[in-house]
């Protein structure tokens, strides 16, 4: 689904764009149902703009202007006051309906960001053992998916970076994103990294789709910092 908006900007929702949530929604959307003359809406503006800039690849930040468009589409839910902030969350499996989650916290950048991070869709294959590696690799091979291996020096308990979650959602069904932990808490990660010649962290390696072995294909290694 195209928003025709530059990443990092707040998207102005229209009736047609709002209705398209029902058919194609790979990323999390945050919606501010507002009435611009409202003082509380005006106070939120700076943090809402910052949220769009800072989470430009992870979340779509948008607003519905009730002064210009009083009739709120049913897909956005009912709003009895402004600002009403809610998330439109994609289904976790193909075909599962989206869901609406209302926000009830303080209207600050930090709390809004935490709300978004908690709800982001996550289709990343987490790998910290040989068993997890084999399971994820078999799944990708069966689906003929290329793989993006991201080697991170994080312990097993650390959360998957938001950037990887966003990639896994944006390219769901076309790419398998793998979060491979290379840490003392995951000894298998170091062995997998050595297999691909990874000597520095973080590192990114891409593999073509289908069955794959080191003898048959050469992996593509990305040099430089891993950005979106």
C-alpha atoms as a PDB file:
ATOM      1  CA  UNK A   1       0.000   0.000   0.000  1.00  0.00           C
ATOM      2  CA  UNK A   2       1.458   3.348  -1.060  1.00  0.00           C
ATOM      3  CA  UNK A   3       0.909   6.478   1.025  1.00  0.00           C
ATOM      4  CA  UNK A   4       2.655   8.818  -1.455  1.00  0.00           C
ATOM      5  CA  UNK A   5       4.387  10.327   1.563  1.00  0.00           C
ATOM      6  CA  UNK A   6       8.056  10.883   2.232  1.00  0.00           C
ATOM      7  CA  UNK A   7       9.402   8.635   5.022  1.00  0.00           C
ATOM      8  CA  UNK A   8       9.744  10.677   8.182  1.00  0.00           C
ATOM      9  CA  UNK A   9       6.688  12.849   7.540  1.00  0.00           C
ATOM     10  CA  UNK A  10       3.254  12.610   9.124  1.00  0.00           C
ATOM     11  CA  UNK A  11       0.693  11.164   6.702  1.00  0.00           C
ATOM     12  CA  UNK A  12      -2.587  13.051   6.289  1.00  0.00           C
ATOM     13  CA  UNK A  13      -5.283  10.380   6.126  1.00  0.00           C
ATOM     14  CA  UNK A  14      -8.029  10.507   3.518  1.00  0.00           C
ATOM     15  CA  UNK A  15     -11.139   8.300   3.424  1.00  0.00           C
ATOM     16  CA  UNK A  16      -9.719   6.130   0.621  1.00  0.00           C
ATOM     17  CA  UNK A  17      -6.355   5.707   2.345  1.00  0.00           C
ATOM     18  CA  UNK A  18      -7.982   4.831   5.662  1.00  0.00           C
ATOM     19  CA  UNK A  19     -10.232   2.247   4.019  1.00  0.00           C
ATOM     20  CA  UNK A  20      -7.223   0.606   2.348  1.00  0.00           C
ATOM     21  CA  UNK A  21      -6.048  -0.518   5.809  1.00  0.00           C
ATOM     22  CA  UNK A  22      -8.368  -3.478   5.406  1.00  0.00           C
ATOM     23  CA  UNK A  23      -6.565  -4.882   2.358  1.00  0.00           C
ATOM     24  CA  UNK A  24      -2.847  -4.173   2.737  1.00  0.00           C
ATOM     25  CA  UNK A  25      -1.135  -3.282   5.991  1.00  0.00           C
ATOM     26  CA  UNK A  26       2.428  -4.590   6.350  1.00  0.00           C
ATOM     27  CA  UNK A  27       3.613  -2.018   8.903  1.00  0.00           C
ATOM     28  CA  UNK A  28       2.164  -0.662  12.115  1.00  0.00           C
ATOM     29  CA  UNK A  29       0.229   2.594  11.697  1.00  0.00           C
ATOM     30  CA  UNK A  30      -0.178   5.178  14.442  1.00  0.00           C
ATOM     31  CA  UNK A  31      -3.193   7.440  14.018  1.00  0.00           C
ATOM     32  CA  UNK A  32      -3.867  10.742  15.765  1.00  0.00           C
ATOM     33  CA  UNK A  33      -7.555  11.624  15.433  1.00  0.00           C
ATOM     34  CA  UNK A  34      -7.382  15.335  16.068  1.00  0.00           C
ATOM     35  CA  UNK A  35      -9.165  18.664  15.877  1.00  0.00           C
ATOM     36  CA  UNK A  36      -6.391  21.189  15.042  1.00  0.00           C
ATOM     37  CA  UNK A  37      -7.829  24.138  17.043  1.00  0.00           C
ATOM     38  CA  UNK A  38      -7.767  21.953  20.180  1.00  0.00           C
ATOM     39  CA  UNK A  39      -5.009  23.007  22.610  1.00  0.00           C
ATOM     40  CA  UNK A  40      -4.198  19.405  23.527  1.00  0.00           C
ATOM     41  CA  UNK A  41      -3.822  18.539  19.827  1.00  0.00           C
ATOM     42  CA  UNK A  42      -1.499  21.492  19.336  1.00  0.00           C
ATOM     43  CA  UNK A  43       0.598  20.417  22.334  1.00  0.00           C
ATOM     44  CA  UNK A  44       1.009  16.955  20.797  1.00  0.00           C
ATOM     45  CA  UNK A  45       2.181  18.229  17.396  1.00  0.00           C
ATOM     46  CA  UNK A  46       5.938  18.478  18.082  1.00  0.00           C
ATOM     47  CA  UNK A  47       6.181  14.995  19.615  1.00  0.00           C
ATOM     48  CA  UNK A  48       4.041  13.528  16.814  1.00  0.00           C
ATOM     49  CA  UNK A  49       6.353  15.036  14.186  1.00  0.00           C
ATOM     50  CA  UNK A  50       9.415  13.751  16.079  1.00  0.00           C
ATOM     51  CA  UNK A  51       7.869  10.285  16.196  1.00  0.00           C
ATOM     52  CA  UNK A  52       7.465  10.314  12.411  1.00  0.00           C
ATOM     53  CA  UNK A  53      11.100  11.368  11.911  1.00  0.00           C
ATOM     54  CA  UNK A  54      12.672   8.985  14.409  1.00  0.00           C
ATOM     55  CA  UNK A  55      10.588   5.943  13.400  1.00  0.00           C
ATOM     56  CA  UNK A  56      10.461   6.732   9.672  1.00  0.00           C
ATOM     57  CA  UNK A  57      11.255   3.152   8.600  1.00  0.00           C
ATOM     58  CA  UNK A  58       9.542   1.262  11.403  1.00  0.00           C
ATOM     59  CA  UNK A  59       6.079   2.831  11.726  1.00  0.00           C
ATOM     60  CA  UNK A  60       3.719   4.957   9.622  1.00  0.00           C
ATOM     61  CA  UNK A  61       2.669   7.998  11.665  1.00  0.00           C
ATOM     62  CA  UNK A  62      -0.568   9.643  10.524  1.00  0.00           C
ATOM     63  CA  UNK A  63      -3.469  11.871  11.521  1.00  0.00           C
ATOM     64  CA  UNK A  64      -7.157  12.319  10.782  1.00  0.00           C
ATOM     65  CA  UNK A  65      -8.326  15.963  10.760  1.00  0.00           C
ATOM     66  CA  UNK A  66     -11.872  16.046  12.155  1.00  0.00           C
ATOM     67  CA  UNK A  67     -12.205  19.765  11.353  1.00  0.00           C
ATOM     68  CA  UNK A  68     -11.785  19.052   7.645  1.00  0.00           C
ATOM     69  CA  UNK A  69     -13.364  15.571   7.702  1.00  0.00           C
ATOM     70  CA  UNK A  70     -15.908  15.218  10.540  1.00  0.00           C
ATOM     71  CA  UNK A  71     -17.028  11.719   9.506  1.00  0.00           C
ATOM     72  CA  UNK A  72     -14.419   9.294  10.855  1.00  0.00           C
ATOM     73  CA  UNK A  73     -14.187   6.045   8.822  1.00  0.00           C
ATOM     74  CA  UNK A  74     -15.328   2.957  10.684  1.00  0.00           C
ATOM     75  CA  UNK A  75     -11.916   1.366  10.173  1.00  0.00           C
ATOM     76  CA  UNK A  76     -10.416   3.988  12.512  1.00  0.00           C
ATOM     77  CA  UNK A  77     -12.934   3.307  15.267  1.00  0.00           C
ATOM     78  CA  UNK A  78     -14.993   5.774  17.304  1.00  0.00           C
ATOM     79  CA  UNK A  79     -13.383   8.871  18.807  1.00  0.00           C
ATOM     80  CA  UNK A  80     -15.213  10.689  21.592  1.00  0.00           C
ATOM     81  CA  UNK A  81     -12.466  13.225  22.245  1.00  0.00           C
ATOM     82  CA  UNK A  82      -9.373  14.720  20.631  1.00  0.00           C
ATOM     83  CA  UNK A  83      -6.631  13.858  20.405  1.00  0.00           C
ATOM     84  CA  UNK A  84      -7.456  10.159  20.233  1.00  0.00           C
ATOM     85  CA  UNK A  85      -4.316   8.122  19.581  1.00  0.00           C
ATOM     86  CA  UNK A  86      -4.489   4.539  18.438  1.00  0.00           C
ATOM     87  CA  UNK A  87      -2.466   1.922  16.605  1.00  0.00           C
ATOM     88  CA  UNK A  88      -3.661  -0.095  13.624  1.00  0.00           C
ATOM     89  CA  UNK A  89      -1.860  -3.418  14.081  1.00  0.00           C
ATOM     90  CA  UNK A  90      -1.460  -5.925  11.195  1.00  0.00           C
ATOM     91  CA  UNK A  91      -2.425  -9.541  11.771  1.00  0.00           C
ATOM     92  CA  UNK A  92       0.395 -11.793  12.945  1.00  0.00           C
ATOM     93  CA  UNK A  93      -0.441 -14.397  10.292  1.00  0.00           C
ATOM     94  CA  UNK A  94      -1.488 -14.121   6.673  1.00  0.00           C
ATOM     95  CA  UNK A  95      -5.209 -13.506   6.488  1.00  0.00           C
ATOM     96  CA  UNK A  96      -5.567 -12.506  10.153  1.00  0.00           C
ATOM     97  CA  UNK A  97      -7.542  -9.304  10.616  1.00  0.00           C
ATOM     98  CA  UNK A  98      -5.903  -6.127  11.829  1.00  0.00           C
ATOM     99  CA  UNK A  99      -6.731  -4.865  15.307  1.00  0.00           C
ATOM    100  CA  UNK A 100      -7.069  -1.441  16.879  1.00  0.00           C
ATOM    101  CA  UNK A 101      -5.228  -0.632  20.101  1.00  0.00           C
ATOM    102  CA  UNK A 102      -5.980   2.618  21.925  1.00  0.00           C
ATOM    103  CA  UNK A 103      -3.220   4.602  23.603  1.00  0.00           C
ATOM    104  CA  UNK A 104      -3.859   5.832  27.144  1.00  0.00           C
ATOM    105  CA  UNK A 105      -0.410   7.007  28.274  1.00  0.00           C
ATOM    106  CA  UNK A 106       1.184  10.424  28.478  1.00  0.00           C
ATOM    107  CA  UNK A 107       1.575  12.209  25.149  1.00  0.00           C
ATOM    108  CA  UNK A 108       5.356  12.379  25.107  1.00  0.00           C
ATOM    109  CA  UNK A 109       7.728  11.133  22.441  1.00  0.00           C
ATOM    110  CA  UNK A 110       9.319   8.501  24.686  1.00  0.00           C
ATOM    111  CA  UNK A 111       6.048   6.936  25.807  1.00  0.00           C
ATOM    112  CA  UNK A 112       4.552   7.033  22.317  1.00  0.00           C
ATOM    113  CA  UNK A 113       7.677   5.377  20.919  1.00  0.00           C
ATOM    114  CA  UNK A 114       7.500   2.627  23.568  1.00  0.00           C
ATOM    115  CA  UNK A 115       3.854   2.033  22.668  1.00  0.00           C
ATOM    116  CA  UNK A 116       4.766   1.654  18.978  1.00  0.00           C
ATOM    117  CA  UNK A 117       7.750  -0.622  19.635  1.00  0.00           C
ATOM    118  CA  UNK A 118       5.608  -2.941  21.736  1.00  0.00           C
ATOM    119  CA  UNK A 119       3.059  -3.385  18.933  1.00  0.00           C
ATOM    120  CA  UNK A 120       5.314  -3.613  15.881  1.00  0.00           C
ATOM    121  CA  UNK A 121       4.759  -6.783  13.817  1.00  0.00           C
ATOM    122  CA  UNK A 122       7.703  -9.169  14.114  1.00  0.00           C
ATOM    123  CA  UNK A 123       8.413 -11.921  11.582  1.00  0.00           C
ATOM    124  CA  UNK A 124      12.151 -12.156  12.295  1.00  0.00           C
ATOM    125  CA  UNK A 125      13.657 -15.624  12.738  1.00  0.00           C
ATOM    126  CA  UNK A 126      15.628 -15.466  16.006  1.00  0.00           C
ATOM    127  CA  UNK A 127      18.678 -17.766  15.955  1.00  0.00           C
ATOM    128  CA  UNK A 128      20.771 -18.592  19.016  1.00  0.00           C
ATOM    129  CA  UNK A 129      21.139 -22.358  18.575  1.00  0.00           C
ATOM    130  CA  UNK A 130      21.896 -24.861  15.820  1.00  0.00           C
ATOM    131  CA  UNK A 131      18.329 -26.154  16.069  1.00  0.00           C
ATOM    132  CA  UNK A 132      16.881 -22.692  15.462  1.00  0.00           C
ATOM    133  CA  UNK A 133      19.291 -22.210  12.544  1.00  0.00           C
ATOM    134  CA  UNK A 134      18.235 -25.477  10.901  1.00  0.00           C
ATOM    135  CA  UNK A 135      14.529 -24.770  11.403  1.00  0.00           C
ATOM    136  CA  UNK A 136      14.728 -21.250   9.960  1.00  0.00           C
ATOM    137  CA  UNK A 137      16.934 -22.348   7.047  1.00  0.00           C
ATOM    138  CA  UNK A 138      14.613 -25.219   6.156  1.00  0.00           C
ATOM    139  CA  UNK A 139      11.612 -22.907   6.203  1.00  0.00           C
ATOM    140  CA  UNK A 140      13.316 -20.387   3.913  1.00  0.00           C
ATOM    141  CA  UNK A 141      14.510 -23.083   1.510  1.00  0.00           C
ATOM    142  CA  UNK A 142      11.055 -24.630   1.268  1.00  0.00           C
ATOM    143  CA  UNK A 143       9.558 -21.236   0.426  1.00  0.00           C
ATOM    144  CA  UNK A 144      12.416 -20.377  -1.996  1.00  0.00           C
ATOM    145  CA  UNK A 145      13.057 -17.199  -0.003  1.00  0.00           C
ATOM    146  CA  UNK A 146      16.319 -15.253  -0.018  1.00  0.00           C
ATOM    147  CA  UNK A 147      17.737 -14.761   3.464  1.00  0.00           C
ATOM    148  CA  UNK A 148      19.159 -11.723   5.208  1.00  0.00           C
ATOM    149  CA  UNK A 149      21.458 -12.886   7.994  1.00  0.00           C
ATOM    150  CA  UNK A 150      22.160 -10.168  10.552  1.00  0.00           C
ATOM    151  CA  UNK A 151      24.868 -11.130  13.061  1.00  0.00           C
ATOM    152  CA  UNK A 152      24.548  -9.179  16.305  1.00  0.00           C
ATOM    153  CA  UNK A 153      26.614  -9.203  19.466  1.00  0.00           C
ATOM    154  CA  UNK A 154      23.533  -9.247  21.685  1.00  0.00           C
ATOM    155  CA  UNK A 155      22.715 -11.763  24.379  1.00  0.00           C
ATOM    156  CA  UNK A 156      19.833 -14.172  23.946  1.00  0.00           C
ATOM    157  CA  UNK A 157      17.494 -12.130  26.140  1.00  0.00           C
ATOM    158  CA  UNK A 158      17.898  -8.840  24.255  1.00  0.00           C
ATOM    159  CA  UNK A 159      15.033  -7.655  22.051  1.00  0.00           C
ATOM    160  CA  UNK A 160      15.270  -7.825  18.275  1.00  0.00           C
ATOM    161  CA  UNK A 161      16.134  -4.347  16.889  1.00  0.00           C
ATOM    162  CA  UNK A 162      13.095  -2.472  15.506  1.00  0.00           C
ATOM    163  CA  UNK A 163      14.778  -2.054  12.108  1.00  0.00           C
ATOM    164  CA  UNK A 164      14.831  -5.832  11.606  1.00  0.00           C
ATOM    165  CA  UNK A 165      11.197  -6.157  12.659  1.00  0.00           C
ATOM    166  CA  UNK A 166      10.235  -3.488  10.128  1.00  0.00           C
ATOM    167  CA  UNK A 167      12.196  -5.211   7.350  1.00  0.00           C
ATOM    168  CA  UNK A 168      10.569  -8.535   8.182  1.00  0.00           C
ATOM    169  CA  UNK A 169       7.112  -6.936   7.968  1.00  0.00           C
ATOM    170  CA  UNK A 170       7.748  -4.822   4.875  1.00  0.00           C
ATOM    171  CA  UNK A 171       9.135  -7.784   2.902  1.00  0.00           C
ATOM    172  CA  UNK A 172       7.074 -10.528   4.470  1.00  0.00           C
ATOM    173  CA  UNK A 173       6.690 -13.451   2.069  1.00  0.00           C
ATOM    174  CA  UNK A 174       9.561 -12.203  -0.110  1.00  0.00           C
ATOM    175  CA  UNK A 175      12.515 -12.269   2.295  1.00  0.00           C
ATOM    176  CA  UNK A 176      13.432 -14.091   5.492  1.00  0.00           C
ATOM    177  CA  UNK A 177      15.187 -11.867   8.027  1.00  0.00           C
ATOM    178  CA  UNK A 178      17.341 -13.776  10.535  1.00  0.00           C
ATOM    179  CA  UNK A 179      18.598 -12.278  13.804  1.00  0.00           C
ATOM    180  CA  UNK A 180      21.673 -14.366  14.691  1.00  0.00           C
ATOM    181  CA  UNK A 181      23.132 -13.824  18.149  1.00  0.00           C
ATOM    182  CA  UNK A 182      26.930 -14.055  18.460  1.00  0.00           C
ATOM    183  CA  UNK A 183      27.422 -13.931  22.217  1.00  0.00           C
ATOM    184  CA  UNK A 184      28.713 -15.999  25.102  1.00  0.00           C
ATOM    185  CA  UNK A 185      25.073 -16.778  25.920  1.00  0.00           C
ATOM    186  CA  UNK A 186      24.693 -18.317  22.431  1.00  0.00           C
ATOM    187  CA  UNK A 187      27.821 -20.323  21.526  1.00  0.00           C
ATOM    188  CA  UNK A 188      26.198 -21.668  18.374  1.00  0.00           C
ATOM    189  CA  UNK A 189      26.002 -18.131  16.994  1.00  0.00           C
ATOM    190  CA  UNK A 190      29.781 -17.858  16.873  1.00  0.00           C
ATOM    191  CA  UNK A 191      30.013 -21.146  14.981  1.00  0.00           C
ATOM    192  CA  UNK A 192      27.431 -20.004  12.433  1.00  0.00           C
ATOM    193  CA  UNK A 193      29.250 -16.675  12.044  1.00  0.00           C
ATOM    194  CA  UNK A 194      32.560 -18.454  11.450  1.00  0.00           C
ATOM    195  CA  UNK A 195      30.932 -20.575   8.764  1.00  0.00           C
ATOM    196  CA  UNK A 196      30.164 -17.390   6.814  1.00  0.00           C
ATOM    197  CA  UNK A 197      33.495 -15.716   7.493  1.00  0.00           C
ATOM    198  CA  UNK A 198      32.020 -13.103   9.824  1.00  0.00           C
ATOM    199  CA  UNK A 199      34.782 -11.499  11.868  1.00  0.00           C
ATOM    200  CA  UNK A 200      33.183  -8.225  13.022  1.00  0.00           C
ATOM    201  CA  UNK A 201      29.838  -7.301  14.558  1.00  0.00           C
ATOM    202  CA  UNK A 202      27.336  -6.293  13.459  1.00  0.00           C
ATOM    203  CA  UNK A 203      27.591  -7.967  10.052  1.00  0.00           C
ATOM    204  CA  UNK A 204      25.091  -8.575   7.278  1.00  0.00           C
ATOM    205  CA  UNK A 205      25.159 -11.502   4.843  1.00  0.00           C
ATOM    206  CA  UNK A 206      22.594 -12.189   2.117  1.00  0.00           C
ATOM    207  CA  UNK A 207      21.832 -15.589   0.600  1.00  0.00           C
ATOM    208  CA  UNK A 208      19.865 -16.364  -2.547  1.00  0.00           C
ATOM    209  CA  UNK A 209      16.585 -18.248  -2.348  1.00  0.00           C
ATOM    210  CA  UNK A 210      16.192 -22.002  -2.463  1.00  0.00           C
ATOM    211  CA  UNK A 211      18.470 -24.736  -1.189  1.00  0.00           C
ATOM    212  CA  UNK A 212      21.834 -23.275  -0.296  1.00  0.00           C
ATOM    213  CA  UNK A 213      25.318 -24.520   0.561  1.00  0.00           C
ATOM    214  CA  UNK A 214      28.655 -22.759   0.808  1.00  0.00           C
ATOM    215  CA  UNK A 215      30.044 -25.015  -1.899  1.00  0.00           C
ATOM    216  CA  UNK A 216      27.307 -24.128  -4.400  1.00  0.00           C
ATOM    217  CA  UNK A 217      26.870 -20.386  -3.877  1.00  0.00           C
ATOM    218  CA  UNK A 218      28.854 -17.456  -2.563  1.00  0.00           C
ATOM    219  CA  UNK A 219      27.113 -15.302   0.048  1.00  0.00           C
ATOM    220  CA  UNK A 220      26.833 -11.566  -0.476  1.00  0.00           C
ATOM    221  CA  UNK A 221      28.443  -9.594   2.357  1.00  0.00           C
ATOM    222  CA  UNK A 222      27.482  -6.034   3.125  1.00  0.00           C
ATOM    223  CA  UNK A 223      30.382  -3.777   4.076  1.00  0.00           C
ATOM    224  CA  UNK A 224      29.491  -0.885   6.321  1.00  0.00           C
ATOM    225  CA  UNK A 225      26.944  -0.174   9.042  1.00  0.00           C
ATOM    226  CA  UNK A 226      23.625  -1.997   8.750  1.00  0.00           C
ATOM    227  CA  UNK A 227      21.018   0.640   7.910  1.00  0.00           C
ATOM    228  CA  UNK A 228      17.485   0.135   6.634  1.00  0.00           C
END
